[in-house]
Amino acid sequence: MANTLVVVPTYNEITNLPKIVGRLRQSVPFADILIVDDSSPDGTGEKADELSRQEDGVFVLHRSQKDGLGRAYLEAFSWGLNRPYHYIIEIDADGSHDPMELQAMHLLAEEGADLVIGSRWIPGGSVLNWPWVRRFISRSGNQYAKWALRSKINDLTSGFRVFRSDTLREMDLKRIASQGYCFQIELAWLAESSGLSVVEHPIKFLERTDGKSKMHFGIVAEALIKVTWWGISRRKP
């Protein structure tokens, strides 16, 4: 039995899904993979079932509707924590995260880090093929969240992470109700504010080449509003 679970949330990623599963098999062959599909209308869920039949250690969690990245991950965490996994990994399905980085990230978790974040915004990290507007929004948004929350984490919105299972068990995940980028901010901030060890590992982030980004104004607005509120609330005497 593998002691590591890789969670891959999907919505309309039928082209990218076989690619990311294949790359994960090469980089972390010891890990199981859980595909979490939000009833994708393009057939991603059916493709996930096909991969599960073809590959040992590939599982599928079907959700009845698209109701946010946060809820998808929380269901996946619950699924994984009810099984004997020591580590649970987050990775995007679109190929923007290089699975080969997981070897180094996994080692950091094995050495004691409670949460390892694949970071674009530390020395050695980078973003490729993003327009300057999106780069500015991500970089400035992370800097604002870091300042507002008095955090030491440089890439609070990164969706490339390795958790120790015990870390997730120690955190009060029922408190988390955010979606999109804001979910990632809240989850990392909760780990940090709980006194857990958070380590950032530099990664190269590559813009997707297939499919459409799920990024939209509502996600940015939610993050800005919630981070501002959390920051003000925390600074009250």
Protein backbone atom coordinates (compact mmCIF):
# COMPACT_ATOMS: atom_id res chain seq x y z
CA MET A 1 0.00 0.00 0.00
CA ALA A 2 1.33 3.38 -0.98
CA ASN A 3 1.75 5.84 1.89
CA THR A 4 1.25 8.90 -0.35
CA LEU A 5 -1.88 10.17 -2.07
CA VAL A 6 -1.85 12.72 -4.89
CA VAL A 7 -5.12 14.62 -5.26
CA VAL A 8 -5.93 15.91 -8.76
CA PRO A 9 -9.10 18.05 -8.92
CA THR A 10 -10.62 18.27 -12.38
CA TYR A 11 -13.24 20.18 -14.32
CA ASN A 12 -13.16 19.95 -18.12
CA GLU A 13 -9.60 18.58 -18.25
CA ILE A 14 -10.18 15.60 -20.55
CA THR A 15 -7.11 16.45 -22.65
CA ASN A 16 -4.76 17.13 -19.77
CA LEU A 17 -5.82 14.33 -17.40
CA PRO A 18 -4.01 11.39 -19.08
CA LYS A 19 -0.88 13.54 -19.35
CA ILE A 20 -0.74 14.48 -15.67
CA VAL A 21 -1.48 10.92 -14.55
CA GLY A 22 1.34 9.64 -16.76
CA ARG A 23 3.77 12.25 -15.46
CA LEU A 24 2.84 11.46 -11.86
CA ARG A 25 3.45 7.77 -12.50
CA GLN A 26 6.97 8.65 -13.66
CA SER A 27 7.82 11.08 -10.85
CA VAL A 28 6.16 9.44 -7.83
CA PRO A 29 5.48 5.82 -8.83
CA PHE A 30 5.00 4.90 -5.16
CA ALA A 31 1.97 7.20 -4.80
CA ASP A 32 -1.72 6.56 -5.31
CA ILE A 33 -3.71 9.11 -7.31
CA LEU A 34 -7.20 10.39 -6.50
CA ILE A 35 -8.96 12.23 -9.32
CA VAL A 36 -11.77 14.45 -8.04
CA ASP A 37 -14.13 15.39 -10.84
CA ASP A 38 -16.94 17.94 -10.51
CA SER A 39 -19.27 16.38 -13.12
CA SER A 40 -17.30 17.79 -16.04
CA PRO A 41 -19.53 18.08 -19.12
CA ASP A 42 -16.61 17.32 -21.46
CA GLY A 43 -16.27 13.69 -20.31
CA THR A 44 -13.35 14.13 -17.89
CA GLY A 45 -15.11 11.95 -15.32
CA GLU A 46 -15.51 9.11 -17.79
CA LYS A 47 -11.85 9.45 -18.81
CA ALA A 48 -10.91 9.29 -15.12
CA ASP A 49 -12.88 6.05 -14.73
CA GLU A 50 -11.10 4.64 -17.77
CA LEU A 51 -7.69 5.51 -16.31
CA SER A 52 -8.72 3.95 -13.00
CA ARG A 53 -9.59 0.69 -14.74
CA GLN A 54 -6.29 0.71 -16.61
CA GLU A 55 -3.99 1.76 -13.76
CA ASP A 56 -3.60 0.26 -10.31
CA GLY A 57 -3.61 2.91 -7.60
CA VAL A 58 -5.74 5.41 -9.54
CA PHE A 59 -9.05 6.21 -7.87
CA VAL A 60 -11.92 8.52 -8.79
CA LEU A 61 -14.18 10.63 -6.61
CA HIS A 62 -17.20 11.90 -8.54
CA ARG A 63 -18.96 15.00 -7.23
CA SER A 64 -22.50 15.85 -8.29
CA GLN A 65 -21.81 19.46 -9.26
CA LYS A 66 -19.15 22.12 -9.66
CA ASP A 67 -19.19 23.96 -6.33
CA GLY A 68 -15.62 25.07 -5.85
CA LEU A 69 -12.04 23.94 -5.54
CA GLY A 70 -12.15 24.20 -1.76
CA ARG A 71 -15.00 21.74 -1.31
CA ALA A 72 -13.39 19.36 -3.81
CA TYR A 73 -10.15 19.33 -1.83
CA LEU A 74 -11.91 19.00 1.52
CA GLU A 75 -13.80 15.93 0.27
CA ALA A 76 -10.55 14.50 -1.06
CA PHE A 77 -8.77 15.15 2.24
CA SER A 78 -11.56 13.34 4.08
CA TRP A 79 -11.26 10.42 1.65
CA GLY A 80 -7.49 10.24 2.13
CA LEU A 81 -7.50 10.68 5.90
CA ASN A 82 -9.81 7.69 6.24
CA ARG A 83 -7.09 5.56 4.66
CA PRO A 84 -3.51 4.82 5.81
CA TYR A 85 -1.73 7.59 3.86
CA HIS A 86 1.12 9.47 5.55
CA TYR A 87 1.27 12.27 2.97
CA ILE A 88 -1.37 14.00 0.84
CA ILE A 89 -0.37 16.08 -2.18
CA GLU A 90 -2.19 18.85 -4.08
CA ILE A 91 -1.44 19.35 -7.77
CA ASP A 92 -3.26 21.04 -10.66
CA ALA A 93 -4.51 18.89 -13.54
CA ASP A 94 -3.54 21.36 -16.27
CA GLY A 95 0.19 20.59 -16.36
CA SER A 96 1.29 23.89 -14.86
CA HIS A 97 3.04 22.09 -12.00
CA ASP A 98 6.00 19.85 -12.80
CA PRO A 99 5.51 16.52 -10.97
CA MET A 100 9.28 15.98 -10.95
CA GLU A 101 9.49 18.63 -8.22
CA LEU A 102 7.55 16.29 -5.96
CA GLN A 103 10.62 14.20 -5.21
CA ALA A 104 12.32 17.14 -3.48
CA MET A 105 9.08 18.37 -1.91
CA HIS A 106 8.23 14.93 -0.57
CA LEU A 107 11.70 14.64 0.95
CA LEU A 108 11.19 17.93 2.84
CA ALA A 109 7.97 16.51 4.29
CA GLU A 110 9.75 13.30 5.23
CA GLU A 111 12.39 15.39 7.01
CA GLY A 112 9.73 16.99 9.19
CA ALA A 113 7.97 19.84 7.37
CA ASP A 114 4.25 19.78 8.09
CA LEU A 115 3.43 21.55 4.84
CA VAL A 116 5.64 22.01 1.78
CA ILE A 117 4.52 24.63 -0.73
CA GLY A 118 5.76 24.77 -4.31
CA SER A 119 6.51 28.48 -4.52
CA ARG A 120 6.77 30.72 -7.57
CA TRP A 121 7.73 33.83 -5.63
CA ILE A 122 10.94 32.89 -3.83
CA PRO A 123 14.51 32.81 -5.20
CA GLY A 124 14.73 29.99 -7.73
CA GLY A 125 11.00 30.09 -8.46
CA SER A 126 9.52 31.48 -11.68
CA VAL A 127 6.45 31.76 -13.88
CA LEU A 128 6.63 31.03 -17.60
CA ASN A 129 4.32 32.21 -20.39
CA TRP A 130 2.07 34.40 -18.25
CA PRO A 131 1.03 37.86 -19.51
CA TRP A 132 2.38 40.66 -17.36
CA VAL A 133 -1.12 41.51 -16.06
CA ARG A 134 -1.68 38.06 -14.59
CA ARG A 135 1.87 37.97 -13.22
CA PHE A 136 1.25 41.35 -11.55
CA ILE A 137 -2.08 40.21 -10.06
CA SER A 138 -0.57 37.03 -8.62
CA ARG A 139 2.61 38.62 -7.31
CA SER A 140 0.93 41.68 -5.79
CA GLY A 141 -1.97 39.59 -4.44
CA ASN A 142 0.43 37.31 -2.62
CA GLN A 143 2.38 40.24 -1.25
CA TYR A 144 -0.83 41.87 0.00
CA ALA A 145 -2.06 38.65 1.62
CA LYS A 146 1.32 38.13 3.28
CA TRP A 147 1.24 41.67 4.69
CA ALA A 148 -2.42 41.62 5.76
CA LEU A 149 -2.14 38.26 7.52
CA ARG A 150 1.34 38.92 8.92
CA SER A 151 2.43 35.72 7.24
CA LYS A 152 5.92 34.59 6.34
CA ILE A 153 4.68 32.60 3.33
CA ASN A 154 5.54 34.15 -0.05
CA ASP A 155 3.18 32.10 -2.24
CA LEU A 156 -0.02 31.69 -0.27
CA THR A 157 -2.08 30.98 -3.40
CA SER A 158 0.04 28.11 -4.72
CA GLY A 159 -1.92 24.93 -5.39
CA PHE A 160 1.16 22.69 -5.43
CA ARG A 161 1.63 21.27 -1.93
CA VAL A 162 2.66 18.29 0.16
CA PHE A 163 0.92 17.82 3.51
CA ARG A 164 1.72 15.39 6.23
CA SER A 165 -1.56 13.62 6.99
CA ASP A 166 -1.13 14.39 10.68
CA THR A 167 -0.95 18.07 9.74
CA LEU A 168 -4.39 17.96 8.17
CA ARG A 169 -5.74 16.05 11.15
CA GLU A 170 -4.43 18.72 13.54
CA MET A 171 -6.02 21.56 11.59
CA ASP A 172 -9.68 22.44 12.07
CA LEU A 173 -10.66 21.96 8.44
CA LYS A 174 -14.35 22.49 9.24
CA ARG A 175 -13.53 26.18 9.68
CA ILE A 176 -12.57 26.53 6.03
CA ALA A 177 -15.33 27.69 3.69
CA SER A 178 -13.34 29.55 1.02
CA GLN A 179 -13.04 28.60 -2.63
CA GLY A 180 -10.51 29.14 -5.41
CA TYR A 181 -7.29 30.93 -4.57
CA CYS A 182 -8.80 32.05 -1.30
CA PHE A 183 -9.08 28.41 -0.18
CA GLN A 184 -5.35 27.96 -0.67
CA ILE A 185 -4.62 31.17 1.25
CA GLU A 186 -6.84 30.16 4.16
CA LEU A 187 -5.46 26.63 4.33
CA ALA A 188 -1.81 27.74 4.37
CA TRP A 189 -2.53 30.53 6.85
CA LEU A 190 -4.36 28.10 9.14
CA ALA A 191 -1.36 25.76 9.11
CA GLU A 192 1.05 28.61 9.80
CA SER A 193 -1.07 30.21 12.54
CA SER A 194 -1.48 26.79 14.18
CA GLY A 195 2.28 26.74 14.75
CA LEU A 196 2.96 24.05 12.16
CA SER A 197 6.13 23.97 10.08
CA VAL A 198 5.64 25.45 6.59
CA VAL A 199 8.50 25.23 4.07
CA GLU A 200 8.56 26.74 0.57
CA HIS A 201 10.32 24.97 -2.29
CA PRO A 202 11.05 26.94 -5.50
CA ILE A 203 9.23 25.77 -8.62
CA LYS A 204 8.83 26.81 -12.24
CA PHE A 205 5.17 27.40 -13.00
CA LEU A 206 4.21 26.87 -16.65
CA GLU A 207 0.98 28.30 -18.06
CA ARG A 208 -1.34 25.62 -19.41
CA THR A 209 -1.20 24.83 -23.12
CA ASP A 210 -4.53 22.97 -23.36
CA GLY A 211 -7.94 23.86 -21.99
CA LYS A 212 -9.22 27.05 -20.39
CA SER A 213 -8.09 28.60 -17.12
CA LYS A 214 -10.62 28.55 -14.26
CA MET A 215 -9.33 31.94 -13.08
CA HIS A 216 -11.92 34.73 -13.12
CA PHE A 217 -12.66 38.06 -11.45
CA GLY A 218 -14.91 36.53 -8.79
CA ILE A 219 -12.05 34.40 -7.44
CA VAL A 220 -9.78 37.44 -7.17
CA ALA A 221 -12.53 39.52 -5.54
CA GLU A 222 -13.31 36.80 -2.99
CA ALA A 223 -9.66 36.54 -2.02
CA LEU A 224 -9.23 40.31 -1.69
CA ILE A 225 -12.33 40.75 0.45
CA LYS A 226 -11.71 37.80 2.73
CA VAL A 227 -8.00 38.48 3.22
CA THR A 228 -8.77 42.10 4.09
CA TRP A 229 -11.41 41.02 6.61
CA TRP A 230 -9.14 38.39 8.17
CA GLY A 231 -6.36 40.95 8.43
CA ILE A 232 -8.57 43.58 10.09
CA SER A 233 -10.14 41.06 12.46
CA ARG A 234 -6.79 39.71 13.51
CA ARG A 235 -5.44 43.19 14.21
CA LYS A 236 -8.27 44.16 16.52
CA PRO A 237 -7.15 44.69 20.13
